[in-house]
Amino acid sequence: MEKLMEVMEELGAQRGDAQEMMELLDSNSDGSLSSEEFDNFQKQVEIMWNIEDRDEKYKAVLQEKLPMPDCGGLVQVRHEEPEKVTALI
């Protein structure tokens, strides 16, 4: 696991982050990363990418079907006086 942490650091990860990630991946806490543990990690990453891809597709469809002006996240509120209503009884 030490070698993998060194590679992660070379790729720009902080030492603590690399250590924490390795501890998360090492599901049986034996101090090494088995091929099964690594495969499980790859599957989780793939699932997350698929979710992100679908989110982007849904956002595009919603924007196309329900275009909204960019209001910087603010909700526009319009106040109008109610018209007088005459009831027939």
PDB file of N, CA and C in Angstrom:
ATOM      1  N   MET A   1       0.820  -1.180   0.000  1.00  0.00           N
ATOM      2  CA  MET A   1       0.000   0.000   0.000  1.00  0.00           C
ATOM      3  C   MET A   1       0.873   1.255   0.000  1.00  0.00           C
ATOM      4  N   GLU A   2       2.030   1.177   0.554  1.00  0.00           N
ATOM      5  CA  GLU A   2       2.939   2.324   0.618  1.00  0.00           C
ATOM      6  C   GLU A   2       3.297   2.817  -0.787  1.00  0.00           C
ATOM      7  N   LYS A   3       3.552   1.886  -1.700  1.00  0.00           N
ATOM      8  CA  LYS A   3       3.911   2.272  -3.070  1.00  0.00           C
ATOM      9  C   LYS A   3       2.756   2.993  -3.757  1.00  0.00           C
ATOM     10  N   LEU A   4       1.539   2.501  -3.541  1.00  0.00           N
ATOM     11  CA  LEU A   4       0.372   3.142  -4.139  1.00  0.00           C
ATOM     12  C   LEU A   4       0.180   4.545  -3.566  1.00  0.00           C
ATOM     13  N   MET A   5       0.429   4.705  -2.275  1.00  0.00           N
ATOM     14  CA  MET A   5       0.337   6.031  -1.663  1.00  0.00           C
ATOM     15  C   MET A   5       1.387   6.964  -2.253  1.00  0.00           C
ATOM     16  N   GLU A   6       2.582   6.466  -2.516  1.00  0.00           N
ATOM     17  CA  GLU A   6       3.630   7.280  -3.137  1.00  0.00           C
ATOM     18  C   GLU A   6       3.194   7.752  -4.513  1.00  0.00           C
ATOM     19  N   VAL A   7       2.581   6.863  -5.274  1.00  0.00           N
ATOM     20  CA  VAL A   7       2.082   7.237  -6.608  1.00  0.00           C
ATOM     21  C   VAL A   7       1.019   8.315  -6.495  1.00  0.00           C
ATOM     22  N   MET A   8       0.107   8.148  -5.535  1.00  0.00           N
ATOM     23  CA  MET A   8      -0.943   9.150  -5.347  1.00  0.00           C
ATOM     24  C   MET A   8      -0.340  10.504  -4.994  1.00  0.00           C
ATOM     25  N   GLU A   9       0.670  10.508  -4.158  1.00  0.00           N
ATOM     26  CA  GLU A   9       1.338  11.762  -3.793  1.00  0.00           C
ATOM     27  C   GLU A   9       1.997  12.388  -5.011  1.00  0.00           C
ATOM     28  N   GLU A  10       2.627  11.560  -5.846  1.00  0.00           N
ATOM     29  CA  GLU A  10       3.252  12.080  -7.067  1.00  0.00           C
ATOM     30  C   GLU A  10       2.214  12.692  -7.995  1.00  0.00           C
ATOM     31  N   LEU A  11       0.973  12.195  -7.930  1.00  0.00           N
ATOM     32  CA  LEU A  11      -0.107  12.732  -8.754  1.00  0.00           C
ATOM     33  C   LEU A  11      -0.762  13.960  -8.130  1.00  0.00           C
ATOM     34  N   GLY A  12      -0.278  14.348  -6.935  1.00  0.00           N
ATOM     35  CA  GLY A  12      -0.758  15.588  -6.334  1.00  0.00           C
ATOM     36  C   GLY A  12      -1.608  15.440  -5.087  1.00  0.00           C
ATOM     37  N   ALA A  13      -1.879  14.211  -4.658  1.00  0.00           N
ATOM     38  CA  ALA A  13      -2.674  14.020  -3.439  1.00  0.00           C
ATOM     39  C   ALA A  13      -1.824  14.327  -2.214  1.00  0.00           C
ATOM     40  N   GLN A  14      -2.445  14.905  -1.211  1.00  0.00           N
ATOM     41  CA  GLN A  14      -1.761  15.153   0.060  1.00  0.00           C
ATOM     42  C   GLN A  14      -1.539  13.820   0.771  1.00  0.00           C
ATOM     43  N   ARG A  15      -0.509  13.736   1.561  1.00  0.00           N
ATOM     44  CA  ARG A  15      -0.167  12.485   2.270  1.00  0.00           C
ATOM     45  C   ARG A  15      -1.340  11.980   3.112  1.00  0.00           C
ATOM     46  N   GLY A  16      -1.967  12.846   3.851  1.00  0.00           N
ATOM     47  CA  GLY A  16      -3.104  12.451   4.689  1.00  0.00           C
ATOM     48  C   GLY A  16      -4.281  11.956   3.863  1.00  0.00           C
ATOM     49  N   ASP A  17      -4.546  12.617   2.736  1.00  0.00           N
ATOM     50  CA  ASP A  17      -5.639  12.197   1.860  1.00  0.00           C
ATOM     51  C   ASP A  17      -5.359  10.830   1.262  1.00  0.00           C
ATOM     52  N   ALA A  18      -4.117  10.625   0.834  1.00  0.00           N
ATOM     53  CA  ALA A  18      -3.733   9.330   0.261  1.00  0.00           C
ATOM     54  C   ALA A  18      -3.872   8.234   1.314  1.00  0.00           C
ATOM     55  N   GLN A  19      -3.440   8.508   2.536  1.00  0.00           N
ATOM     56  CA  GLN A  19      -3.534   7.534   3.626  1.00  0.00           C
ATOM     57  C   GLN A  19      -4.996   7.203   3.902  1.00  0.00           C
ATOM     58  N   GLU A  20      -5.842   8.222   3.982  1.00  0.00           N
ATOM     59  CA  GLU A  20      -7.262   8.012   4.269  1.00  0.00           C
ATOM     60  C   GLU A  20      -7.925   7.189   3.167  1.00  0.00           C
ATOM     61  N   MET A  21      -7.585   7.481   1.922  1.00  0.00           N
ATOM     62  CA  MET A  21      -8.159   6.732   0.816  1.00  0.00           C
ATOM     63  C   MET A  21      -7.736   5.263   0.868  1.00  0.00           C
ATOM     64  N   MET A  22      -6.469   5.023   1.162  1.00  0.00           N
ATOM     65  CA  MET A  22      -5.994   3.649   1.239  1.00  0.00           C
ATOM     66  C   MET A  22      -6.701   2.890   2.357  1.00  0.00           C
ATOM     67  N   GLU A  23      -6.931   3.565   3.478  1.00  0.00           N
ATOM     68  CA  GLU A  23      -7.635   2.920   4.585  1.00  0.00           C
ATOM     69  C   GLU A  23      -9.071   2.584   4.199  1.00  0.00           C
ATOM     70  N   LEU A  24      -9.704   3.460   3.425  1.00  0.00           N
ATOM     71  CA  LEU A  24     -11.068   3.189   2.957  1.00  0.00           C
ATOM     72  C   LEU A  24     -11.105   2.023   1.976  1.00  0.00           C
ATOM     73  N   LEU A  25     -10.105   1.951   1.100  1.00  0.00           N
ATOM     74  CA  LEU A  25     -10.065   0.882   0.095  1.00  0.00           C
ATOM     75  C   LEU A  25      -9.718  -0.467   0.715  1.00  0.00           C
ATOM     76  N   ASP A  26      -8.922  -0.456   1.765  1.00  0.00           N
ATOM     77  CA  ASP A  26      -8.487  -1.688   2.426  1.00  0.00           C
ATOM     78  C   ASP A  26      -9.604  -2.167   3.343  1.00  0.00           C
ATOM     79  N   SER A  27     -10.634  -2.782   2.758  1.00  0.00           N
ATOM     80  CA  SER A  27     -11.849  -3.118   3.501  1.00  0.00           C
ATOM     81  C   SER A  27     -11.626  -4.127   4.625  1.00  0.00           C
ATOM     82  N   ASN A  28     -10.618  -4.988   4.513  1.00  0.00           N
ATOM     83  CA  ASN A  28     -10.367  -5.959   5.582  1.00  0.00           C
ATOM     84  C   ASN A  28      -9.251  -5.516   6.532  1.00  0.00           C
ATOM     85  N   SER A  29      -8.744  -4.298   6.340  1.00  0.00           N
ATOM     86  CA  SER A  29      -7.736  -3.680   7.222  1.00  0.00           C
ATOM     87  C   SER A  29      -6.492  -4.538   7.432  1.00  0.00           C
ATOM     88  N   ASP A  30      -6.034  -5.206   6.352  1.00  0.00           N
ATOM     89  CA  ASP A  30      -4.832  -6.029   6.481  1.00  0.00           C
ATOM     90  C   ASP A  30      -3.559  -5.287   6.065  1.00  0.00           C
ATOM     91  N   GLY A  31      -3.710  -4.007   5.724  1.00  0.00           N
ATOM     92  CA  GLY A  31      -2.542  -3.213   5.362  1.00  0.00           C
ATOM     93  C   GLY A  31      -2.120  -3.336   3.912  1.00  0.00           C
ATOM     94  N   SER A  32      -2.864  -4.107   3.123  1.00  0.00           N
ATOM     95  CA  SER A  32      -2.559  -4.209   1.695  1.00  0.00           C
ATOM     96  C   SER A  32      -3.859  -4.102   0.913  1.00  0.00           C
ATOM     97  N   LEU A  33      -3.714  -3.822  -0.352  1.00  0.00           N
ATOM     98  CA  LEU A  33      -4.875  -3.647  -1.213  1.00  0.00           C
ATOM     99  C   LEU A  33      -4.944  -4.835  -2.159  1.00  0.00           C
ATOM    100  N   SER A  34      -5.928  -5.696  -1.952  1.00  0.00           N
ATOM    101  CA  SER A  34      -6.070  -6.887  -2.802  1.00  0.00           C
ATOM    102  C   SER A  34      -6.692  -6.495  -4.138  1.00  0.00           C
ATOM    103  N   SER A  35      -6.599  -7.393  -5.097  1.00  0.00           N
ATOM    104  CA  SER A  35      -7.199  -7.121  -6.408  1.00  0.00           C
ATOM    105  C   SER A  35      -8.717  -7.004  -6.274  1.00  0.00           C
ATOM    106  N   GLU A  36      -9.303  -7.761  -5.353  1.00  0.00           N
ATOM    107  CA  GLU A  36     -10.753  -7.683  -5.138  1.00  0.00           C
ATOM    108  C   GLU A  36     -11.143  -6.311  -4.581  1.00  0.00           C
ATOM    109  N   GLU A  37     -10.366  -5.819  -3.633  1.00  0.00           N
ATOM    110  CA  GLU A  37     -10.640  -4.499  -3.058  1.00  0.00           C
ATOM    111  C   GLU A  37     -10.487  -3.420  -4.123  1.00  0.00           C
ATOM    112  N   PHE A  38      -9.466  -3.557  -4.957  1.00  0.00           N
ATOM    113  CA  PHE A  38      -9.263  -2.571  -6.017  1.00  0.00           C
ATOM    114  C   PHE A  38     -10.384  -2.651  -7.052  1.00  0.00           C
ATOM    115  N   ASP A  39     -10.823  -3.857  -7.412  1.00  0.00           N
ATOM    116  CA  ASP A  39     -11.936  -4.023  -8.347  1.00  0.00           C
ATOM    117  C   ASP A  39     -13.213  -3.391  -7.801  1.00  0.00           C
ATOM    118  N   ASN A  40     -13.471  -3.591  -6.514  1.00  0.00           N
ATOM    119  CA  ASN A  40     -14.650  -2.976  -5.890  1.00  0.00           C
ATOM    120  C   ASN A  40     -14.581  -1.454  -5.982  1.00  0.00           C
ATOM    121  N   PHE A  41     -13.402  -0.906  -5.751  1.00  0.00           N
ATOM    122  CA  PHE A  41     -13.209   0.539  -5.865  1.00  0.00           C
ATOM    123  C   PHE A  41     -13.495   1.009  -7.291  1.00  0.00           C
ATOM    124  N   GLN A  42     -12.975   0.291  -8.282  1.00  0.00           N
ATOM    125  CA  GLN A  42     -13.207   0.663  -9.676  1.00  0.00           C
ATOM    126  C   GLN A  42     -14.693   0.637 -10.015  1.00  0.00           C
ATOM    127  N   LYS A  43     -15.414  -0.350  -9.507  1.00  0.00           N
ATOM    128  CA  LYS A  43     -16.856  -0.439  -9.749  1.00  0.00           C
ATOM    129  C   LYS A  43     -17.584   0.750  -9.132  1.00  0.00           C
ATOM    130  N   GLN A  44     -17.168   1.142  -7.932  1.00  0.00           N
ATOM    131  CA  GLN A  44     -17.792   2.288  -7.276  1.00  0.00           C
ATOM    132  C   GLN A  44     -17.544   3.574  -8.067  1.00  0.00           C
ATOM    133  N   VAL A  45     -16.331   3.732  -8.573  1.00  0.00           N
ATOM    134  CA  VAL A  45     -16.009   4.911  -9.373  1.00  0.00           C
ATOM    135  C   VAL A  45     -16.851   4.930 -10.644  1.00  0.00           C
ATOM    136  N   GLU A  46     -16.978   3.782 -11.283  1.00  0.00           N
ATOM    137  CA  GLU A  46     -17.777   3.697 -12.508  1.00  0.00           C
ATOM    138  C   GLU A  46     -19.233   4.057 -12.238  1.00  0.00           C
ATOM    139  N   ILE A  47     -19.765   3.576 -11.121  1.00  0.00           N
ATOM    140  CA  ILE A  47     -21.144   3.905 -10.752  1.00  0.00           C
ATOM    141  C   ILE A  47     -21.293   5.408 -10.568  1.00  0.00           C
ATOM    142  N   MET A  48     -20.334   6.030  -9.881  1.00  0.00           N
ATOM    143  CA  MET A  48     -20.399   7.480  -9.655  1.00  0.00           C
ATOM    144  C   MET A  48     -20.328   8.249 -10.972  1.00  0.00           C
ATOM    145  N   TRP A  49     -19.470   7.815 -11.895  1.00  0.00           N
ATOM    146  CA  TRP A  49     -19.381   8.484 -13.196  1.00  0.00           C
ATOM    147  C   TRP A  49     -20.700   8.360 -13.942  1.00  0.00           C
ATOM    148  N   ASN A  50     -21.319   7.182 -13.891  1.00  0.00           N
ATOM    149  CA  ASN A  50     -22.596   6.992 -14.571  1.00  0.00           C
ATOM    150  C   ASN A  50     -23.668   7.891 -13.986  1.00  0.00           C
ATOM    151  N   ILE A  51     -23.675   8.024 -12.664  1.00  0.00           N
ATOM    152  CA  ILE A  51     -24.643   8.906 -12.019  1.00  0.00           C
ATOM    153  C   ILE A  51     -24.415  10.346 -12.462  1.00  0.00           C
ATOM    154  N   GLU A  52     -23.162  10.791 -12.485  1.00  0.00           N
ATOM    155  CA  GLU A  52     -22.859  12.154 -12.901  1.00  0.00           C
ATOM    156  C   GLU A  52     -23.256  12.381 -14.352  1.00  0.00           C
ATOM    157  N   ASP A  53     -23.002  11.395 -15.231  1.00  0.00           N
ATOM    158  CA  ASP A  53     -23.398  11.510 -16.635  1.00  0.00           C
ATOM    159  C   ASP A  53     -24.907  11.652 -16.766  1.00  0.00           C
ATOM    160  N   ARG A  54     -25.641  10.822 -16.019  1.00  0.00           N
ATOM    161  CA  ARG A  54     -27.100  10.899 -16.079  1.00  0.00           C
ATOM    162  C   ARG A  54     -27.591  12.239 -15.545  1.00  0.00           C
ATOM    163  N   ASP A  55     -26.981  12.735 -14.473  1.00  0.00           N
ATOM    164  CA  ASP A  55     -27.370  14.029 -13.932  1.00  0.00           C
ATOM    165  C   ASP A  55     -27.219  15.117 -14.990  1.00  0.00           C
ATOM    166  N   GLU A  56     -26.105  15.105 -15.718  1.00  0.00           N
ATOM    167  CA  GLU A  56     -25.883  16.106 -16.753  1.00  0.00           C
ATOM    168  C   GLU A  56     -26.911  15.977 -17.875  1.00  0.00           C
ATOM    169  N   LYS A  57     -27.250  14.743 -18.244  1.00  0.00           N
ATOM    170  CA  LYS A  57     -28.262  14.529 -19.290  1.00  0.00           C
ATOM    171  C   LYS A  57     -29.618  15.045 -18.833  1.00  0.00           C
ATOM    172  N   TYR A  58     -29.987  14.748 -17.571  1.00  0.00           N
ATOM    173  CA  TYR A  58     -31.265  15.215 -17.039  1.00  0.00           C
ATOM    174  C   TYR A  58     -31.299  16.745 -16.975  1.00  0.00           C
ATOM    175  N   LYS A  59     -30.199  17.352 -16.573  1.00  0.00           N
ATOM    176  CA  LYS A  59     -30.138  18.815 -16.525  1.00  0.00           C
ATOM    177  C   LYS A  59     -30.359  19.403 -17.914  1.00  0.00           C
ATOM    178  N   ALA A  60     -29.742  18.806 -18.932  1.00  0.00           N
ATOM    179  CA  ALA A  60     -29.884  19.297 -20.305  1.00  0.00           C
ATOM    180  C   ALA A  60     -31.320  19.162 -20.779  1.00  0.00           C
ATOM    181  N   VAL A  61     -31.958  18.035 -20.480  1.00  0.00           N
ATOM    182  CA  VAL A  61     -33.351  17.826 -20.890  1.00  0.00           C
ATOM    183  C   VAL A  61     -34.257  18.816 -20.184  1.00  0.00           C
ATOM    184  N   LEU A  62     -34.062  18.998 -18.882  1.00  0.00           N
ATOM    185  CA  LEU A  62     -34.881  19.952 -18.138  1.00  0.00           C
ATOM    186  C   LEU A  62     -34.701  21.370 -18.651  1.00  0.00           C
ATOM    187  N   GLN A  63     -33.469  21.733 -18.947  1.00  0.00           N
ATOM    188  CA  GLN A  63     -33.214  23.077 -19.467  1.00  0.00           C
ATOM    189  C   GLN A  63     -33.898  23.272 -20.810  1.00  0.00           C
ATOM    190  N   GLU A  64     -33.916  22.222 -21.623  1.00  0.00           N
ATOM    191  CA  GLU A  64     -34.559  22.302 -22.936  1.00  0.00           C
ATOM    192  C   GLU A  64     -36.074  22.395 -22.800  1.00  0.00           C
ATOM    193  N   LYS A  65     -36.652  21.574 -21.922  1.00  0.00           N
ATOM    194  CA  LYS A  65     -38.106  21.514 -21.764  1.00  0.00           C
ATOM    195  C   LYS A  65     -38.659  22.632 -20.899  1.00  0.00           C
ATOM    196  N   LEU A  66     -37.885  23.054 -19.901  1.00  0.00           N
ATOM    197  CA  LEU A  66     -38.331  24.089 -18.974  1.00  0.00           C
ATOM    198  C   LEU A  66     -37.276  25.182 -18.851  1.00  0.00           C
ATOM    199  N   PRO A  67     -37.074  25.940 -19.921  1.00  0.00           N
ATOM    200  CA  PRO A  67     -36.023  26.971 -19.845  1.00  0.00           C
ATOM    201  C   PRO A  67     -36.365  28.003 -18.772  1.00  0.00           C
ATOM    202  N   MET A  68     -35.356  28.364 -18.006  1.00  0.00           N
ATOM    203  CA  MET A  68     -35.533  29.353 -16.952  1.00  0.00           C
ATOM    204  C   MET A  68     -34.470  30.422 -17.109  1.00  0.00           C
ATOM    205  N   PRO A  69     -34.854  31.673 -16.935  1.00  0.00           N
ATOM    206  CA  PRO A  69     -33.844  32.736 -17.013  1.00  0.00           C
ATOM    207  C   PRO A  69     -32.850  32.595 -15.874  1.00  0.00           C
ATOM    208  N   ASP A  70     -31.633  33.003 -16.133  1.00  0.00           N
ATOM    209  CA  ASP A  70     -30.604  32.938 -15.093  1.00  0.00           C
ATOM    210  C   ASP A  70     -30.819  34.104 -14.137  1.00  0.00           C
ATOM    211  N   CYS A  71     -31.237  33.773 -12.934  1.00  0.00           N
ATOM    212  CA  CYS A  71     -31.516  34.797 -11.920  1.00  0.00           C
ATOM    213  C   CYS A  71     -30.500  34.734 -10.786  1.00  0.00           C
ATOM    214  N   GLY A  72     -29.401  34.078 -11.021  1.00  0.00           N
ATOM    215  CA  GLY A  72     -28.379  33.964  -9.998  1.00  0.00           C
ATOM    216  C   GLY A  72     -28.848  33.206  -8.766  1.00  0.00           C
ATOM    217  N   GLY A  73     -29.800  32.292  -8.962  1.00  0.00           N
ATOM    218  CA  GLY A  73     -30.286  31.496  -7.847  1.00  0.00           C
ATOM    219  C   GLY A  73     -31.373  32.179  -7.032  1.00  0.00           C
ATOM    220  N   LEU A  74     -31.776  33.383  -7.431  1.00  0.00           N
ATOM    221  CA  LEU A  74     -32.814  34.106  -6.702  1.00  0.00           C
ATOM    222  C   LEU A  74     -34.180  33.809  -7.291  1.00  0.00           C
ATOM    223  N   VAL A  75     -35.179  33.810  -6.460  1.00  0.00           N
ATOM    224  CA  VAL A  75     -36.553  33.604  -6.904  1.00  0.00           C
ATOM    225  C   VAL A  75     -37.179  34.973  -7.096  1.00  0.00           C
ATOM    226  N   GLN A  76     -37.800  35.159  -8.254  1.00  0.00           N
ATOM    227  CA  GLN A  76     -38.471  36.428  -8.517  1.00  0.00           C
ATOM    228  C   GLN A  76     -39.897  36.348  -7.994  1.00  0.00           C
ATOM    229  N   VAL A  77     -40.291  37.361  -7.221  1.00  0.00           N
ATOM    230  CA  VAL A  77     -41.635  37.410  -6.656  1.00  0.00           C
ATOM    231  C   VAL A  77     -42.312  38.648  -7.195  1.00  0.00           C
ATOM    232  N   ARG A  78     -43.548  38.467  -7.660  1.00  0.00           N
ATOM    233  CA  ARG A  78     -44.307  39.585  -8.213  1.00  0.00           C
ATOM    234  C   ARG A  78     -45.544  39.771  -7.361  1.00  0.00           C
ATOM    235  N   HIS A  79     -45.774  40.984  -6.925  1.00  0.00           N
ATOM    236  CA  HIS A  79     -46.921  41.268  -6.072  1.00  0.00           C
ATOM    237  C   HIS A  79     -47.958  42.017  -6.896  1.00  0.00           C
ATOM    238  N   GLU A  80     -49.148  41.486  -6.913  1.00  0.00           N
ATOM    239  CA  GLU A  80     -50.251  42.145  -7.604  1.00  0.00           C
ATOM    240  C   GLU A  80     -51.426  42.240  -6.634  1.00  0.00           C
ATOM    241  N   GLU A  81     -52.147  43.337  -6.735  1.00  0.00           N
ATOM    242  CA  GLU A  81     -53.344  43.489  -5.918  1.00  0.00           C
ATOM    243  C   GLU A  81     -54.422  42.568  -6.469  1.00  0.00           C
ATOM    244  N   PRO A  82     -55.085  41.826  -5.598  1.00  0.00           N
ATOM    245  CA  PRO A  82     -56.160  40.955  -6.087  1.00  0.00           C
ATOM    246  C   PRO A  82     -57.315  41.784  -6.620  1.00  0.00           C
ATOM    247  N   GLU A  83     -57.875  41.321  -7.707  1.00  0.00           N
ATOM    248  CA  GLU A  83     -59.030  42.036  -8.289  1.00  0.00           C
ATOM    249  C   GLU A  83     -60.255  41.755  -7.424  1.00  0.00           C
ATOM    250  N   LYS A  84     -61.175  42.723  -7.461  1.00  0.00           N
ATOM    251  CA  LYS A  84     -62.402  42.513  -6.714  1.00  0.00           C
ATOM    252  C   LYS A  84     -63.224  41.436  -7.411  1.00  0.00           C
ATOM    253  N   VAL A  85     -63.719  40.525  -6.636  1.00  0.00           N
ATOM    254  CA  VAL A  85     -64.493  39.429  -7.167  1.00  0.00           C
ATOM    255  C   VAL A  85     -65.926  39.582  -6.656  1.00  0.00           C
ATOM    256  N   THR A  86     -66.829  39.524  -7.584  1.00  0.00           N
ATOM    257  CA  THR A  86     -68.230  39.635  -7.220  1.00  0.00           C
ATOM    258  C   THR A  86     -68.833  38.239  -7.253  1.00  0.00           C
ATOM    259  N   ALA A  87     -69.420  37.866  -6.180  1.00  0.00           N
ATOM    260  CA  ALA A  87     -70.039  36.551  -6.108  1.00  0.00           C
ATOM    261  C   ALA A  87     -71.512  36.670  -6.381  1.00  0.00           C
ATOM    262  N   LEU A  88     -72.042  35.795  -7.179  1.00  0.00           N
ATOM    263  CA  LEU A  88     -73.463  35.744  -7.442  1.00  0.00           C
ATOM    264  C   LEU A  88     -74.093  34.740  -6.492  1.00  0.00           C
ATOM    265  N   ILE A  89     -75.027  35.235  -5.685  1.00  0.00           N
ATOM    266  CA  ILE A  89     -75.674  34.344  -4.722  1.00  0.00           C
ATOM    267  C   ILE A  89     -77.129  34.277  -5.020  1.00  0.00           C
TER     268      ILE A  89
END
